[in-house]
Amino acid sequence: MGVPQENVTLSPDVIESLHRKLGDMRHSVNNHLTLLSTAMELFRRKPDAIMRMLDSMTDRPEQIRD
């Protein structure tokens, strides 16, 4: 699906739906970024926890991509 070559009119319902979906996406991205930044801070404070945390973080890139 490419970019429309002509003007497109969106109904208020479609705009509301897009707004809601973008809000959900922002929320999900922020949640994952918070997890990653928290893990980095933990690594700084407790270097001995790195191996345990790495095991639990290996599935995060797939979750973020999804």
N, C-alpha and C. Protein backbone atom coordinates (compact mmCIF):
# COMPACT_ATOMS: atom_id res chain seq x y z
N MET A 1 0.85 -1.17 0.00
CA MET A 1 0.00 0.00 0.00
C MET A 1 0.90 1.23 0.00
N GLY A 2 0.73 2.04 -0.99
CA GLY A 2 1.55 3.22 -1.10
C GLY A 2 0.84 4.47 -0.59
N VAL A 3 1.48 5.59 -0.80
CA VAL A 3 0.93 6.88 -0.40
C VAL A 3 -0.12 7.29 -1.43
N PRO A 4 -1.30 7.74 -0.98
CA PRO A 4 -2.32 8.18 -1.95
C PRO A 4 -1.82 9.34 -2.80
N GLN A 5 -2.22 9.34 -4.05
CA GLN A 5 -1.82 10.39 -4.97
C GLN A 5 -2.83 11.55 -4.99
N GLU A 6 -3.97 11.34 -4.32
CA GLU A 6 -5.00 12.36 -4.25
C GLU A 6 -5.35 12.62 -2.79
N ASN A 7 -6.06 13.71 -2.54
CA ASN A 7 -6.50 14.01 -1.18
C ASN A 7 -7.41 12.90 -0.67
N VAL A 8 -7.32 12.66 0.65
CA VAL A 8 -8.13 11.63 1.28
C VAL A 8 -8.94 12.29 2.38
N THR A 9 -10.22 11.96 2.46
CA THR A 9 -11.08 12.48 3.51
C THR A 9 -11.32 11.39 4.54
N LEU A 10 -11.10 11.71 5.79
CA LEU A 10 -11.30 10.76 6.87
C LEU A 10 -12.49 11.18 7.71
N SER A 11 -13.30 10.22 8.07
CA SER A 11 -14.46 10.52 8.90
C SER A 11 -14.00 10.70 10.35
N PRO A 12 -14.81 11.35 11.17
CA PRO A 12 -14.46 11.50 12.59
C PRO A 12 -14.23 10.16 13.28
N ASP A 13 -15.00 9.12 12.90
CA ASP A 13 -14.82 7.80 13.50
C ASP A 13 -13.46 7.20 13.15
N VAL A 14 -13.03 7.38 11.91
CA VAL A 14 -11.73 6.88 11.48
C VAL A 14 -10.61 7.63 12.20
N ILE A 15 -10.75 8.93 12.32
CA ILE A 15 -9.74 9.72 13.02
C ILE A 15 -9.67 9.30 14.49
N GLU A 16 -10.80 9.08 15.12
CA GLU A 16 -10.82 8.63 16.52
C GLU A 16 -10.15 7.27 16.66
N SER A 17 -10.42 6.37 15.73
CA SER A 17 -9.81 5.05 15.76
C SER A 17 -8.29 5.13 15.59
N LEU A 18 -7.84 5.95 14.65
CA LEU A 18 -6.39 6.14 14.45
C LEU A 18 -5.74 6.75 15.68
N HIS A 19 -6.42 7.72 16.28
CA HIS A 19 -5.89 8.36 17.49
C HIS A 19 -5.74 7.34 18.62
N ARG A 20 -6.74 6.49 18.78
CA ARG A 20 -6.70 5.47 19.82
C ARG A 20 -5.57 4.47 19.56
N LYS A 21 -5.42 4.04 18.31
CA LYS A 21 -4.36 3.09 17.96
C LYS A 21 -2.99 3.69 18.16
N LEU A 22 -2.81 4.95 17.79
CA LEU A 22 -1.52 5.61 18.01
C LEU A 22 -1.22 5.76 19.49
N GLY A 23 -2.24 6.07 20.28
CA GLY A 23 -2.06 6.17 21.73
C GLY A 23 -1.63 4.84 22.33
N ASP A 24 -2.26 3.75 21.88
CA ASP A 24 -1.88 2.41 22.36
C ASP A 24 -0.45 2.08 21.97
N MET A 25 -0.07 2.45 20.74
CA MET A 25 1.28 2.19 20.27
C MET A 25 2.31 2.98 21.09
N ARG A 26 2.02 4.27 21.34
CA ARG A 26 2.93 5.08 22.16
C ARG A 26 3.09 4.48 23.54
N HIS A 27 1.98 4.03 24.12
CA HIS A 27 2.01 3.45 25.46
C HIS A 27 2.88 2.19 25.47
N SER A 28 2.73 1.33 24.47
CA SER A 28 3.52 0.10 24.40
C SER A 28 5.00 0.39 24.23
N VAL A 29 5.33 1.32 23.34
CA VAL A 29 6.74 1.67 23.12
C VAL A 29 7.33 2.25 24.41
N ASN A 30 6.61 3.14 25.06
CA ASN A 30 7.11 3.72 26.31
C ASN A 30 7.31 2.66 27.38
N ASN A 31 6.41 1.69 27.46
CA ASN A 31 6.58 0.61 28.44
C ASN A 31 7.86 -0.17 28.19
N HIS A 32 8.12 -0.52 26.93
CA HIS A 32 9.33 -1.27 26.61
C HIS A 32 10.59 -0.44 26.85
N LEU A 33 10.54 0.83 26.51
CA LEU A 33 11.70 1.69 26.76
C LEU A 33 11.97 1.83 28.26
N THR A 34 10.91 1.90 29.05
CA THR A 34 11.07 1.97 30.49
C THR A 34 11.73 0.70 31.03
N LEU A 35 11.30 -0.44 30.53
CA LEU A 35 11.91 -1.70 30.95
C LEU A 35 13.40 -1.72 30.61
N LEU A 36 13.73 -1.29 29.40
CA LEU A 36 15.13 -1.30 28.98
C LEU A 36 15.97 -0.32 29.80
N SER A 37 15.46 0.88 30.04
CA SER A 37 16.25 1.85 30.80
C SER A 37 16.37 1.43 32.26
N THR A 38 15.34 0.79 32.79
CA THR A 38 15.42 0.27 34.16
C THR A 38 16.46 -0.83 34.26
N ALA A 39 16.50 -1.69 33.26
CA ALA A 39 17.50 -2.76 33.25
C ALA A 39 18.91 -2.17 33.18
N MET A 40 19.11 -1.14 32.36
CA MET A 40 20.44 -0.52 32.28
C MET A 40 20.86 0.07 33.63
N GLU A 41 19.92 0.70 34.30
CA GLU A 41 20.22 1.27 35.62
C GLU A 41 20.56 0.17 36.62
N LEU A 42 19.82 -0.93 36.55
CA LEU A 42 20.11 -2.06 37.43
C LEU A 42 21.50 -2.62 37.15
N PHE A 43 21.86 -2.71 35.86
CA PHE A 43 23.19 -3.20 35.50
C PHE A 43 24.28 -2.32 36.11
N ARG A 44 24.05 -1.02 36.12
CA ARG A 44 25.04 -0.10 36.70
C ARG A 44 25.18 -0.32 38.21
N ARG A 45 24.05 -0.53 38.86
CA ARG A 45 24.07 -0.65 40.32
C ARG A 45 24.42 -2.05 40.82
N LYS A 46 24.04 -3.06 40.04
CA LYS A 46 24.28 -4.45 40.45
C LYS A 46 24.84 -5.24 39.27
N PRO A 47 26.11 -5.08 39.00
CA PRO A 47 26.70 -5.79 37.85
C PRO A 47 26.55 -7.31 37.94
N ASP A 48 26.45 -7.84 39.16
CA ASP A 48 26.31 -9.29 39.31
C ASP A 48 24.94 -9.81 38.83
N ALA A 49 23.99 -8.92 38.61
CA ALA A 49 22.65 -9.32 38.16
C ALA A 49 22.54 -9.37 36.63
N ILE A 50 23.60 -9.00 35.94
CA ILE A 50 23.53 -8.91 34.48
C ILE A 50 23.13 -10.24 33.85
N MET A 51 23.74 -11.33 34.23
CA MET A 51 23.44 -12.60 33.58
C MET A 51 21.99 -13.02 33.81
N ARG A 52 21.47 -12.82 35.00
CA ARG A 52 20.07 -13.16 35.27
C ARG A 52 19.13 -12.30 34.44
N MET A 53 19.44 -11.00 34.35
CA MET A 53 18.59 -10.08 33.60
C MET A 53 18.66 -10.35 32.10
N LEU A 54 19.83 -10.69 31.60
CA LEU A 54 19.95 -10.97 30.17
C LEU A 54 19.07 -12.13 29.76
N ASP A 55 18.99 -13.15 30.59
CA ASP A 55 18.12 -14.29 30.28
C ASP A 55 16.67 -13.85 30.14
N SER A 56 16.21 -12.97 31.01
CA SER A 56 14.80 -12.55 30.95
C SER A 56 14.55 -11.50 29.86
N MET A 57 15.60 -10.86 29.36
CA MET A 57 15.43 -9.81 28.35
C MET A 57 15.57 -10.33 26.92
N THR A 58 15.92 -11.57 26.74
CA THR A 58 16.17 -12.07 25.38
C THR A 58 14.92 -12.06 24.51
N ASP A 59 13.74 -12.09 25.11
CA ASP A 59 12.52 -12.08 24.30
C ASP A 59 11.99 -10.67 24.06
N ARG A 60 12.59 -9.65 24.63
CA ARG A 60 12.09 -8.28 24.48
C ARG A 60 12.13 -7.76 23.04
N PRO A 61 13.19 -7.97 22.27
CA PRO A 61 13.17 -7.43 20.90
C PRO A 61 12.00 -7.96 20.08
N GLU A 62 11.66 -9.24 20.26
CA GLU A 62 10.53 -9.80 19.53
C GLU A 62 9.22 -9.15 20.00
N GLN A 63 9.07 -8.93 21.29
CA GLN A 63 7.86 -8.29 21.80
C GLN A 63 7.75 -6.86 21.29
N ILE A 64 8.85 -6.14 21.27
CA ILE A 64 8.84 -4.75 20.79
C ILE A 64 8.49 -4.72 19.31
N ARG A 65 9.08 -5.61 18.53
CA ARG A 65 8.81 -5.65 17.10
C ARG A 65 7.34 -5.98 16.83
N ASP A 66 6.79 -6.93 17.59
CA ASP A 66 5.37 -7.30 17.42
C ASP A 66 4.48 -6.12 17.77
